[in-house]
Amino acid sequence: MAITKEMLLGEILRTKPEAAEVLMKMGMHCLGCPSSQMESLADACMVHGLDADELLKKLNS
């Protein structure tokens, strides 16, 4: 299943646990935070100043 910008971080981590390593390397160290579980990938990228398209390429490769 491909990851999209609209997916919640919690959903991404449940369906593809190995994504945590990629997210952490990109600077998203808040994966265990309860509010992050209800945040979309696009929203998280905006908060962290990351390019969502670049992150998607890494997550889906």
N, C-alpha and C. Protein backbone atom coordinates (compact mmCIF):
# COMPACT_ATOMS: atom_id res chain seq x y z
N MET A 1 0.84 -1.17 0.00
CA MET A 1 0.00 0.00 0.00
C MET A 1 0.89 1.25 0.00
N ALA A 2 0.63 2.16 -0.91
CA ALA A 2 1.41 3.39 -1.01
C ALA A 2 0.97 4.38 0.06
N ILE A 3 1.92 5.09 0.60
CA ILE A 3 1.65 6.12 1.59
C ILE A 3 1.29 7.40 0.85
N THR A 4 0.30 8.13 1.38
CA THR A 4 -0.12 9.40 0.79
C THR A 4 0.01 10.52 1.82
N LYS A 5 -0.05 11.76 1.35
CA LYS A 5 0.05 12.92 2.24
C LYS A 5 -1.13 13.00 3.20
N GLU A 6 -2.26 12.45 2.79
CA GLU A 6 -3.47 12.54 3.59
C GLU A 6 -3.52 11.53 4.73
N MET A 7 -2.66 10.52 4.68
CA MET A 7 -2.66 9.48 5.72
C MET A 7 -2.21 10.05 7.05
N LEU A 8 -2.82 9.56 8.11
CA LEU A 8 -2.41 9.96 9.46
C LEU A 8 -1.10 9.26 9.82
N LEU A 9 -0.27 9.93 10.60
CA LEU A 9 1.00 9.31 11.00
C LEU A 9 0.77 7.99 11.71
N GLY A 10 -0.25 7.94 12.56
CA GLY A 10 -0.56 6.69 13.26
C GLY A 10 -0.87 5.56 12.30
N GLU A 11 -1.61 5.86 11.25
CA GLU A 11 -1.96 4.87 10.24
C GLU A 11 -0.71 4.40 9.48
N ILE A 12 0.15 5.35 9.15
CA ILE A 12 1.39 5.01 8.44
C ILE A 12 2.23 4.06 9.29
N LEU A 13 2.38 4.38 10.56
CA LEU A 13 3.21 3.56 11.44
C LEU A 13 2.61 2.19 11.70
N ARG A 14 1.28 2.09 11.72
CA ARG A 14 0.64 0.78 11.91
C ARG A 14 0.78 -0.10 10.68
N THR A 15 0.66 0.49 9.49
CA THR A 15 0.70 -0.30 8.27
C THR A 15 2.11 -0.53 7.74
N LYS A 16 3.02 0.38 8.09
CA LYS A 16 4.41 0.26 7.60
C LYS A 16 5.36 0.72 8.71
N PRO A 17 5.55 -0.12 9.74
CA PRO A 17 6.37 0.26 10.90
C PRO A 17 7.79 0.72 10.53
N GLU A 18 8.32 0.21 9.45
CA GLU A 18 9.67 0.60 9.05
C GLU A 18 9.75 2.07 8.62
N ALA A 19 8.61 2.70 8.42
CA ALA A 19 8.57 4.12 8.06
C ALA A 19 9.08 4.99 9.21
N ALA A 20 9.02 4.50 10.43
CA ALA A 20 9.47 5.27 11.59
C ALA A 20 10.93 5.69 11.43
N GLU A 21 11.76 4.82 10.92
CA GLU A 21 13.18 5.15 10.75
C GLU A 21 13.36 6.30 9.77
N VAL A 22 12.62 6.26 8.67
CA VAL A 22 12.70 7.33 7.66
C VAL A 22 12.20 8.65 8.26
N LEU A 23 11.08 8.60 8.96
CA LEU A 23 10.51 9.81 9.56
C LEU A 23 11.47 10.41 10.59
N MET A 24 12.07 9.57 11.39
CA MET A 24 13.01 10.04 12.41
C MET A 24 14.24 10.69 11.76
N LYS A 25 14.75 10.08 10.71
CA LYS A 25 15.92 10.63 10.02
C LYS A 25 15.61 11.99 9.40
N MET A 26 14.34 12.21 9.04
CA MET A 26 13.94 13.48 8.44
C MET A 26 13.63 14.55 9.49
N GLY A 27 13.70 14.18 10.76
CA GLY A 27 13.51 15.16 11.82
C GLY A 27 12.20 15.07 12.58
N MET A 28 11.40 14.08 12.29
CA MET A 28 10.13 13.90 13.00
C MET A 28 10.36 12.99 14.20
N HIS A 29 10.79 13.60 15.29
CA HIS A 29 11.12 12.84 16.49
C HIS A 29 9.93 12.73 17.44
N CYS A 30 8.77 13.18 17.00
CA CYS A 30 7.59 13.22 17.87
C CYS A 30 6.62 12.08 17.57
N LEU A 31 7.09 11.00 17.02
CA LEU A 31 6.20 9.92 16.58
C LEU A 31 5.44 9.27 17.72
N GLY A 32 5.96 9.32 18.92
CA GLY A 32 5.29 8.72 20.07
C GLY A 32 4.30 9.66 20.73
N CYS A 33 4.28 10.90 20.31
CA CYS A 33 3.37 11.90 20.88
C CYS A 33 1.92 11.55 20.51
N PRO A 34 1.02 11.55 21.48
CA PRO A 34 -0.37 11.18 21.18
C PRO A 34 -1.00 12.03 20.07
N SER A 35 -0.69 13.31 20.03
CA SER A 35 -1.32 14.15 19.00
C SER A 35 -0.79 13.83 17.60
N SER A 36 0.42 13.31 17.50
CA SER A 36 0.96 12.98 16.18
C SER A 36 0.20 11.82 15.54
N GLN A 37 -0.44 11.01 16.33
CA GLN A 37 -1.18 9.87 15.80
C GLN A 37 -2.41 10.31 15.00
N MET A 38 -2.86 11.55 15.25
CA MET A 38 -4.05 12.07 14.57
C MET A 38 -3.69 13.18 13.58
N GLU A 39 -2.41 13.27 13.22
CA GLU A 39 -1.94 14.32 12.32
C GLU A 39 -1.61 13.69 10.97
N SER A 40 -2.02 14.36 9.90
CA SER A 40 -1.70 13.83 8.56
C SER A 40 -0.22 14.06 8.27
N LEU A 41 0.28 13.31 7.33
CA LEU A 41 1.67 13.47 6.92
C LEU A 41 1.90 14.88 6.39
N ALA A 42 0.95 15.40 5.63
CA ALA A 42 1.08 16.76 5.09
C ALA A 42 1.16 17.78 6.22
N ASP A 43 0.31 17.64 7.23
CA ASP A 43 0.33 18.57 8.37
C ASP A 43 1.64 18.47 9.14
N ALA A 44 2.11 17.25 9.35
CA ALA A 44 3.37 17.05 10.08
C ALA A 44 4.53 17.67 9.31
N CYS A 45 4.53 17.54 8.00
CA CYS A 45 5.59 18.14 7.19
C CYS A 45 5.55 19.65 7.29
N MET A 46 4.35 20.22 7.29
CA MET A 46 4.22 21.67 7.40
C MET A 46 4.78 22.15 8.75
N VAL A 47 4.42 21.46 9.82
CA VAL A 47 4.88 21.83 11.16
C VAL A 47 6.40 21.74 11.28
N HIS A 48 6.98 20.73 10.63
CA HIS A 48 8.42 20.49 10.75
C HIS A 48 9.23 21.14 9.63
N GLY A 49 8.55 21.85 8.72
CA GLY A 49 9.26 22.53 7.63
C GLY A 49 9.89 21.58 6.64
N LEU A 50 9.21 20.46 6.39
CA LEU A 50 9.72 19.45 5.45
C LEU A 50 8.93 19.47 4.15
N ASP A 51 9.57 19.04 3.09
CA ASP A 51 8.92 18.91 1.80
C ASP A 51 8.18 17.57 1.77
N ALA A 52 6.86 17.63 1.73
CA ALA A 52 6.04 16.42 1.78
C ALA A 52 6.30 15.50 0.60
N ASP A 53 6.50 16.07 -0.57
CA ASP A 53 6.74 15.24 -1.76
C ASP A 53 8.06 14.48 -1.65
N GLU A 54 9.09 15.15 -1.14
CA GLU A 54 10.39 14.49 -0.96
C GLU A 54 10.28 13.35 0.06
N LEU A 55 9.56 13.61 1.14
CA LEU A 55 9.39 12.59 2.18
C LEU A 55 8.58 11.41 1.64
N LEU A 56 7.55 11.69 0.86
CA LEU A 56 6.75 10.61 0.27
C LEU A 56 7.60 9.69 -0.60
N LYS A 57 8.49 10.28 -1.40
CA LYS A 57 9.36 9.47 -2.26
C LYS A 57 10.19 8.50 -1.41
N LYS A 58 10.73 9.00 -0.29
CA LYS A 58 11.55 8.16 0.58
C LYS A 58 10.70 7.08 1.25
N LEU A 59 9.51 7.45 1.70
CA LEU A 59 8.65 6.49 2.39
C LEU A 59 8.14 5.39 1.45
N ASN A 60 7.91 5.73 0.21
CA ASN A 60 7.35 4.76 -0.74
C ASN A 60 8.39 4.02 -1.56
N SER A 61 9.68 4.30 -1.31
CA SER A 61 10.71 3.59 -2.09
C SER A 61 11.11 2.30 -1.42
